[in-house]
PDB file of N, CA and C in Angstrom:
ATOM      1  N   UNK A   1       6.731  -0.241 -13.048  1.00  0.00           N
ATOM      2  CA  UNK A   1       5.730  -0.820 -11.534  1.00  0.00           C
ATOM      3  C   UNK A   1       5.612  -2.060 -11.535  1.00  0.00           C
ATOM      4  N   UNK A   2       5.595  -2.239 -12.490  1.00  0.00           N
ATOM      5  CA  UNK A   2       4.442  -3.841 -12.519  1.00  0.00           C
ATOM      6  C   UNK A   2       5.773  -5.038 -12.480  1.00  0.00           C
ATOM      7  N   UNK A   3       7.372  -4.551 -12.798  1.00  0.00           N
ATOM      8  CA  UNK A   3       8.227  -5.731 -12.218  1.00  0.00           C
ATOM      9  C   UNK A   3       8.636  -5.421 -10.777  1.00  0.00           C
ATOM     10  N   UNK A   4       8.182  -4.427  -9.928  1.00  0.00           N
ATOM     11  CA  UNK A   4       8.270  -4.275  -8.762  1.00  0.00           C
ATOM     12  C   UNK A   4       7.341  -5.103  -8.075  1.00  0.00           C
ATOM     13  N   UNK A   5       6.055  -4.947  -8.779  1.00  0.00           N
ATOM     14  CA  UNK A   5       5.055  -5.673  -7.878  1.00  0.00           C
ATOM     15  C   UNK A   5       5.119  -7.202  -7.715  1.00  0.00           C
ATOM     16  N   UNK A   6       5.668  -7.255  -9.354  1.00  0.00           N
ATOM     17  CA  UNK A   6       5.793  -9.022  -9.216  1.00  0.00           C
ATOM     18  C   UNK A   6       6.975  -9.615  -7.832  1.00  0.00           C
ATOM     19  N   UNK A   7       8.446  -8.753  -8.398  1.00  0.00           N
ATOM     20  CA  UNK A   7       9.290  -9.249  -7.044  1.00  0.00           C
ATOM     21  C   UNK A   7       8.946  -9.322  -5.660  1.00  0.00           C
ATOM     22  N   UNK A   8       7.788  -8.351  -5.627  1.00  0.00           N
ATOM     23  CA  UNK A   8       7.079  -8.352  -4.262  1.00  0.00           C
ATOM     24  C   UNK A   8       6.411  -9.548  -3.685  1.00  0.00           C
ATOM     25  N   UNK A   9       5.355  -9.772  -4.676  1.00  0.00           N
ATOM     26  CA  UNK A   9       5.075 -11.133  -5.164  1.00  0.00           C
ATOM     27  C   UNK A   9       5.609 -12.320  -4.397  1.00  0.00           C
ATOM     28  N   UNK A  10       6.792 -12.366  -5.019  1.00  0.00           N
ATOM     29  CA  UNK A  10       7.980 -13.412  -4.937  1.00  0.00           C
ATOM     30  C   UNK A  10       8.618 -13.152  -3.652  1.00  0.00           C
ATOM     31  N   UNK A  11       8.767 -12.103  -3.135  1.00  0.00           N
ATOM     32  CA  UNK A  11       9.861 -12.078  -1.978  1.00  0.00           C
ATOM     33  C   UNK A  11       7.936 -12.520  -0.939  1.00  0.00           C
ATOM     34  N   UNK A  12       7.310 -12.278  -0.495  1.00  0.00           N
ATOM     35  CA  UNK A  12       6.468 -12.650   0.220  1.00  0.00           C
ATOM     36  C   UNK A  12       5.995 -14.003   0.002  1.00  0.00           C
ATOM     37  N   UNK A  13       5.801 -14.801  -1.261  1.00  0.00           N
ATOM     38  CA  UNK A  13       5.776 -16.050  -1.346  1.00  0.00           C
ATOM     39  C   UNK A  13       7.059 -16.590  -0.816  1.00  0.00           C
ATOM     40  N   UNK A  14       7.928 -16.530  -0.677  1.00  0.00           N
ATOM     41  CA  UNK A  14       9.204 -16.987  -0.231  1.00  0.00           C
ATOM     42  C   UNK A  14       8.978 -17.083   1.240  1.00  0.00           C
ATOM     43  N   UNK A  15       8.337 -16.140   1.741  1.00  0.00           N
ATOM     44  CA  UNK A  15       8.521 -15.565   3.161  1.00  0.00           C
ATOM     45  C   UNK A  15       7.592 -16.359   3.610  1.00  0.00           C
ATOM     46  N   UNK A  16       6.286 -16.716   3.051  1.00  0.00           N
ATOM     47  CA  UNK A  16       5.304 -17.055   3.420  1.00  0.00           C
ATOM     48  C   UNK A  16       6.052 -18.481   3.811  1.00  0.00           C
ATOM     49  N   UNK A  17       6.229 -19.411   2.540  1.00  0.00           N
ATOM     50  CA  UNK A  17       6.526 -20.689   3.114  1.00  0.00           C
ATOM     51  C   UNK A  17       7.747 -21.140   3.943  1.00  0.00           C
ATOM     52  N   UNK A  18       8.647 -19.950   3.647  1.00  0.00           N
ATOM     53  CA  UNK A  18       9.763 -20.431   4.609  1.00  0.00           C
ATOM     54  C   UNK A  18       8.454 -20.348   5.977  1.00  0.00           C
ATOM     55  N   UNK A  19       7.933 -19.537   6.431  1.00  0.00           N
ATOM     56  CA  UNK A  19       7.520 -19.545   7.854  1.00  0.00           C
ATOM     57  C   UNK A  19       6.147 -20.212   7.867  1.00  0.00           C
ATOM     58  N   UNK A  20       5.951 -21.208   7.033  1.00  0.00           N
ATOM     59  CA  UNK A  20       5.252 -22.277   6.948  1.00  0.00           C
ATOM     60  C   UNK A  20       5.744 -23.309   7.830  1.00  0.00           C
ATOM     61  N   UNK A  21       6.910 -23.814   7.197  1.00  0.00           N
ATOM     62  CA  UNK A  21       8.327 -24.390   7.903  1.00  0.00           C
ATOM     63  C   UNK A  21       7.905 -24.517   9.540  1.00  0.00           C
ATOM     64  N   UNK A  22       7.752 -23.071  10.438  1.00  0.00           N
ATOM     65  CA  UNK A  22       7.997 -23.245  11.413  1.00  0.00           C
ATOM     66  C   UNK A  22       6.360 -23.402  12.240  1.00  0.00           C
ATOM     67  N   UNK A  23       5.900 -23.491  11.568  1.00  0.00           N
ATOM     68  CA  UNK A  23       3.870 -23.272  11.970  1.00  0.00           C
ATOM     69  C   UNK A  23       4.203 -24.670  12.351  1.00  0.00           C
ATOM     70  N   UNK A  24       3.827 -25.397  13.372  1.00  0.00           N
ATOM     71  CA  UNK A  24       2.712 -26.260  14.378  1.00  0.00           C
ATOM     72  C   UNK A  24       1.696 -27.201  13.863  1.00  0.00           C
ATOM     73  N   UNK A  25       0.430 -25.733  14.128  1.00  0.00           N
ATOM     74  CA  UNK A  25      -0.506 -26.453  13.623  1.00  0.00           C
ATOM     75  C   UNK A  25      -0.898 -26.793  12.056  1.00  0.00           C
ATOM     76  N   UNK A  26      -0.761 -27.938  11.959  1.00  0.00           N
ATOM     77  CA  UNK A  26      -1.214 -28.529  10.365  1.00  0.00           C
ATOM     78  C   UNK A  26      -1.578 -27.969   9.533  1.00  0.00           C
ATOM     79  N   UNK A  27      -2.969 -27.038   9.967  1.00  0.00           N
ATOM     80  CA  UNK A  27      -3.977 -26.455   8.822  1.00  0.00           C
ATOM     81  C   UNK A  27      -3.542 -25.202   8.954  1.00  0.00           C
ATOM     82  N   UNK A  28      -3.152 -24.556   9.566  1.00  0.00           N
ATOM     83  CA  UNK A  28      -2.433 -23.425   9.441  1.00  0.00           C
ATOM     84  C   UNK A  28      -1.297 -23.242   8.241  1.00  0.00           C
ATOM     85  N   UNK A  29      -0.461 -24.047   8.372  1.00  0.00           N
ATOM     86  CA  UNK A  29       0.667 -24.051   8.212  1.00  0.00           C
ATOM     87  C   UNK A  29      -0.054 -24.740   6.703  1.00  0.00           C
ATOM     88  N   UNK A  30      -0.218 -25.405   5.819  1.00  0.00           N
ATOM     89  CA  UNK A  30      -1.115 -25.763   4.798  1.00  0.00           C
ATOM     90  C   UNK A  30      -1.767 -24.578   4.087  1.00  0.00           C
ATOM     91  N   UNK A  31      -2.793 -23.767   5.258  1.00  0.00           N
ATOM     92  CA  UNK A  31      -3.038 -22.485   4.404  1.00  0.00           C
ATOM     93  C   UNK A  31      -2.079 -21.376   4.093  1.00  0.00           C
ATOM     94  N   UNK A  32      -1.111 -21.173   4.732  1.00  0.00           N
ATOM     95  CA  UNK A  32       0.411 -20.469   4.918  1.00  0.00           C
ATOM     96  C   UNK A  32       0.822 -20.789   3.622  1.00  0.00           C
ATOM     97  N   UNK A  33       1.254 -22.146   3.657  1.00  0.00           N
ATOM     98  CA  UNK A  33       1.770 -22.960   2.129  1.00  0.00           C
ATOM     99  C   UNK A  33       0.915 -22.158   0.824  1.00  0.00           C
ATOM    100  N   UNK A  34      -0.334 -22.763   1.024  1.00  0.00           N
ATOM    101  CA  UNK A  34      -1.375 -22.004  -0.309  1.00  0.00           C
ATOM    102  C   UNK A  34      -0.782 -20.621  -0.321  1.00  0.00           C
ATOM    103  N   UNK A  35      -0.760 -20.029   0.477  1.00  0.00           N
ATOM    104  CA  UNK A  35      -0.568 -18.198   0.626  1.00  0.00           C
ATOM    105  C   UNK A  35       0.907 -18.063  -0.211  1.00  0.00           C
ATOM    106  N   UNK A  36       1.762 -18.232  -0.235  1.00  0.00           N
ATOM    107  CA  UNK A  36       3.079 -18.751  -0.599  1.00  0.00           C
ATOM    108  C   UNK A  36       3.340 -19.184  -1.932  1.00  0.00           C
ATOM    109  N   UNK A  37       2.386 -20.005  -2.068  1.00  0.00           N
ATOM    110  CA  UNK A  37       2.345 -20.546  -3.418  1.00  0.00           C
ATOM    111  C   UNK A  37       1.579 -19.922  -4.811  1.00  0.00           C
ATOM    112  N   UNK A  38       0.335 -19.560  -3.940  1.00  0.00           N
ATOM    113  CA  UNK A  38      -0.182 -18.094  -5.018  1.00  0.00           C
ATOM    114  C   UNK A  38       0.886 -17.020  -5.176  1.00  0.00           C
ATOM    115  N   UNK A  39       1.092 -16.450  -4.183  1.00  0.00           N
ATOM    116  CA  UNK A  39       2.261 -15.343  -4.382  1.00  0.00           C
ATOM    117  C   UNK A  39       2.936 -15.711  -5.591  1.00  0.00           C
ATOM    118  N   UNK A  40       3.839 -16.609  -5.300  1.00  0.00           N
ATOM    119  CA  UNK A  40       5.141 -17.558  -5.753  1.00  0.00           C
ATOM    120  C   UNK A  40       4.498 -17.872  -7.286  1.00  0.00           C
ATOM    121  N   UNK A  41       3.116 -18.235  -8.084  1.00  0.00           N
ATOM    122  CA  UNK A  41       2.718 -18.003  -9.221  1.00  0.00           C
ATOM    123  C   UNK A  41       2.395 -17.150  -9.867  1.00  0.00           C
ATOM    124  N   UNK A  42       2.006 -16.101  -8.860  1.00  0.00           N
ATOM    125  CA  UNK A  42       1.956 -14.454  -9.862  1.00  0.00           C
ATOM    126  C   UNK A  42       3.128 -14.363  -9.906  1.00  0.00           C
ATOM    127  N   UNK A  43       3.821 -14.722  -9.484  1.00  0.00           N
ATOM    128  CA  UNK A  43       5.248 -14.264  -9.779  1.00  0.00           C
ATOM    129  C   UNK A  43       6.164 -14.792 -10.686  1.00  0.00           C
ATOM    130  N   UNK A  44       5.796 -16.259 -10.864  1.00  0.00           N
ATOM    131  CA  UNK A  44       6.492 -16.751 -11.850  1.00  0.00           C
ATOM    132  C   UNK A  44       5.712 -16.620 -13.101  1.00  0.00           C
ATOM    133  N   UNK A  45       4.363 -16.415 -13.515  1.00  0.00           N
ATOM    134  CA  UNK A  45       3.351 -15.773 -14.624  1.00  0.00           C
ATOM    135  C   UNK A  45       4.190 -14.288 -14.917  1.00  0.00           C
ATOM    136  N   UNK A  46       4.805 -13.988 -13.951  1.00  0.00           N
ATOM    137  CA  UNK A  46       4.951 -12.464 -14.489  1.00  0.00           C
ATOM    138  C   UNK A  46       6.395 -12.815 -15.272  1.00  0.00           C
ATOM    139  N   UNK A  47       7.236 -14.140 -14.754  1.00  0.00           N
ATOM    140  CA  UNK A  47       8.373 -14.234 -15.659  1.00  0.00           C
ATOM    141  C   UNK A  47       8.064 -15.318 -16.622  1.00  0.00           C
ATOM    142  N   UNK A  48       6.583 -15.457 -16.753  1.00  0.00           N
ATOM    143  CA  UNK A  48       6.867 -16.796 -18.304  1.00  0.00           C
ATOM    144  C   UNK A  48       7.570 -17.727 -17.924  1.00  0.00           C
ATOM    145  N   UNK A  49       7.832 -18.318 -16.742  1.00  0.00           N
ATOM    146  CA  UNK A  49       9.118 -19.191 -16.535  1.00  0.00           C
ATOM    147  C   UNK A  49       7.983 -21.009 -16.975  1.00  0.00           C
ATOM    148  N   UNK A  50       8.313 -21.399 -17.737  1.00  0.00           N
ATOM    149  CA  UNK A  50       7.418 -22.660 -18.470  1.00  0.00           C
ATOM    150  C   UNK A  50       7.204 -23.596 -17.234  1.00  0.00           C
ATOM    151  N   UNK A  51       8.595 -23.837 -16.327  1.00  0.00           N
ATOM    152  CA  UNK A  51       8.788 -24.923 -15.494  1.00  0.00           C
ATOM    153  C   UNK A  51       7.497 -24.586 -14.336  1.00  0.00           C
ATOM    154  N   UNK A  52       8.397 -23.654 -13.692  1.00  0.00           N
ATOM    155  CA  UNK A  52       7.889 -22.748 -12.253  1.00  0.00           C
ATOM    156  C   UNK A  52       6.352 -22.527 -12.484  1.00  0.00           C
ATOM    157  N   UNK A  53       5.588 -22.395 -13.522  1.00  0.00           N
ATOM    158  CA  UNK A  53       4.040 -22.076 -13.235  1.00  0.00           C
ATOM    159  C   UNK A  53       3.501 -23.095 -13.355  1.00  0.00           C
ATOM    160  N   UNK A  54       3.967 -24.025 -13.582  1.00  0.00           N
ATOM    161  CA  UNK A  54       2.855 -25.384 -13.372  1.00  0.00           C
ATOM    162  C   UNK A  54       3.573 -26.441 -11.977  1.00  0.00           C
ATOM    163  N   UNK A  55       4.683 -26.274 -11.147  1.00  0.00           N
ATOM    164  CA  UNK A  55       4.911 -25.958  -9.925  1.00  0.00           C
ATOM    165  C   UNK A  55       4.373 -25.957  -9.098  1.00  0.00           C
ATOM    166  N   UNK A  56       4.379 -24.437  -9.318  1.00  0.00           N
ATOM    167  CA  UNK A  56       3.411 -23.643  -8.467  1.00  0.00           C
ATOM    168  C   UNK A  56       2.005 -24.055  -8.435  1.00  0.00           C
ATOM    169  N   UNK A  57       1.273 -24.467  -9.139  1.00  0.00           N
ATOM    170  CA  UNK A  57       0.014 -24.386  -9.237  1.00  0.00           C
ATOM    171  C   UNK A  57      -0.123 -26.140  -8.333  1.00  0.00           C
ATOM    172  N   UNK A  58       1.101 -26.891  -8.951  1.00  0.00           N
ATOM    173  CA  UNK A  58       0.432 -28.464  -7.868  1.00  0.00           C
ATOM    174  C   UNK A  58       1.203 -27.933  -6.464  1.00  0.00           C
ATOM    175  N   UNK A  59       1.907 -27.180  -6.597  1.00  0.00           N
ATOM    176  CA  UNK A  59       2.341 -26.887  -4.898  1.00  0.00           C
ATOM    177  C   UNK A  59       1.012 -26.385  -4.321  1.00  0.00           C
ATOM    178  N   UNK A  60       0.680 -25.569  -4.653  1.00  0.00           N
ATOM    179  CA  UNK A  60      -0.878 -24.468  -4.212  1.00  0.00           C
ATOM    180  C   UNK A  60      -1.564 -25.305  -4.492  1.00  0.00           C
ATOM    181  N   UNK A  61      -1.836 -26.371  -5.264  1.00  0.00           N
ATOM    182  CA  UNK A  61      -3.275 -27.366  -4.964  1.00  0.00           C
ATOM    183  C   UNK A  61      -2.749 -28.425  -4.060  1.00  0.00           C
ATOM    184  N   UNK A  62      -1.951 -28.681  -4.283  1.00  0.00           N
ATOM    185  CA  UNK A  62      -1.677 -30.058  -2.598  1.00  0.00           C
ATOM    186  C   UNK A  62      -2.179 -29.200  -1.564  1.00  0.00           C
ATOM    187  N   UNK A  63      -1.318 -28.144  -1.198  1.00  0.00           N
ATOM    188  CA  UNK A  63      -1.374 -27.832   0.354  1.00  0.00           C
ATOM    189  C   UNK A  63      -3.159 -27.420   0.480  1.00  0.00           C
ATOM    190  N   UNK A  64      -3.779 -26.746  -0.680  1.00  0.00           N
ATOM    191  CA  UNK A  64      -5.412 -27.046  -0.500  1.00  0.00           C
ATOM    192  C   UNK A  64      -6.103 -28.240  -0.614  1.00  0.00           C
ATOM    193  N   UNK A  65      -5.637 -29.175  -0.700  1.00  0.00           N
ATOM    194  CA  UNK A  65      -6.509 -30.671  -0.971  1.00  0.00           C
ATOM    195  C   UNK A  65      -6.021 -31.202   0.716  1.00  0.00           C
ATOM    196  N   UNK A  66      -4.604 -31.000   0.635  1.00  0.00           N
ATOM    197  CA  UNK A  66      -4.268 -31.342   2.428  1.00  0.00           C
ATOM    198  C   UNK A  66      -5.247 -30.066   3.522  1.00  0.00           C
ATOM    199  N   UNK A  67      -5.316 -29.707   3.637  1.00  0.00           N
ATOM    200  CA  UNK A  67      -6.523 -28.455   4.003  1.00  0.00           C
ATOM    201  C   UNK A  67      -7.946 -29.403   4.279  1.00  0.00           C
ATOM    202  N   UNK A  68      -8.367 -29.512   2.725  1.00  0.00           N
ATOM    203  CA  UNK A  68      -9.707 -30.599   2.660  1.00  0.00           C
ATOM    204  C   UNK A  68      -9.343 -31.944   3.643  1.00  0.00           C
ATOM    205  N   UNK A  69      -8.559 -32.287   3.009  1.00  0.00           N
ATOM    206  CA  UNK A  69      -8.583 -33.802   3.644  1.00  0.00           C
ATOM    207  C   UNK A  69      -8.461 -33.478   5.357  1.00  0.00           C
ATOM    208  N   UNK A  70      -7.931 -32.798   5.500  1.00  0.00           N
ATOM    209  CA  UNK A  70      -7.854 -33.081   7.316  1.00  0.00           C
ATOM    210  C   UNK A  70      -8.971 -31.986   7.850  1.00  0.00           C
ATOM    211  N   UNK A  71      -9.890 -31.435   7.380  1.00  0.00           N
ATOM    212  CA  UNK A  71     -11.135 -30.853   7.812  1.00  0.00           C
ATOM    213  C   UNK A  71     -12.487 -32.149   7.600  1.00  0.00           C
ATOM    214  N   UNK A  72     -11.969 -33.103   6.451  1.00  0.00           N
ATOM    215  CA  UNK A  72     -13.340 -33.491   5.987  1.00  0.00           C
ATOM    216  C   UNK A  72     -12.416 -35.243   6.800  1.00  0.00           C
ATOM    217  N   UNK A  73     -11.404 -35.267   7.862  1.00  0.00           N
ATOM    218  CA  UNK A  73     -11.391 -36.387   8.137  1.00  0.00           C
ATOM    219  C   UNK A  73     -11.615 -36.728   9.595  1.00  0.00           C
ATOM    220  N   UNK A  74     -12.023 -35.283  10.140  1.00  0.00           N
ATOM    221  CA  UNK A  74     -12.405 -35.360  12.006  1.00  0.00           C
ATOM    222  C   UNK A  74     -13.425 -35.238  11.808  1.00  0.00           C
TER     223      UNK A  74
END
């Protein structure tokens, strides 16, 4: 059961990030990227991939920072 759940997180993550590319509003795009990054982080932790885990952490943090920056510069 756990492998199936992990794969679903991976699929949802890829779909979120792909969808986020087409979103026009920057804040919404970054929220979708962050959600996709977290989902892919769950999948990469399941895989125990030492390269993919830090990559997803950095990607997610960058998306969250971008949201913070947009919200606090207006």
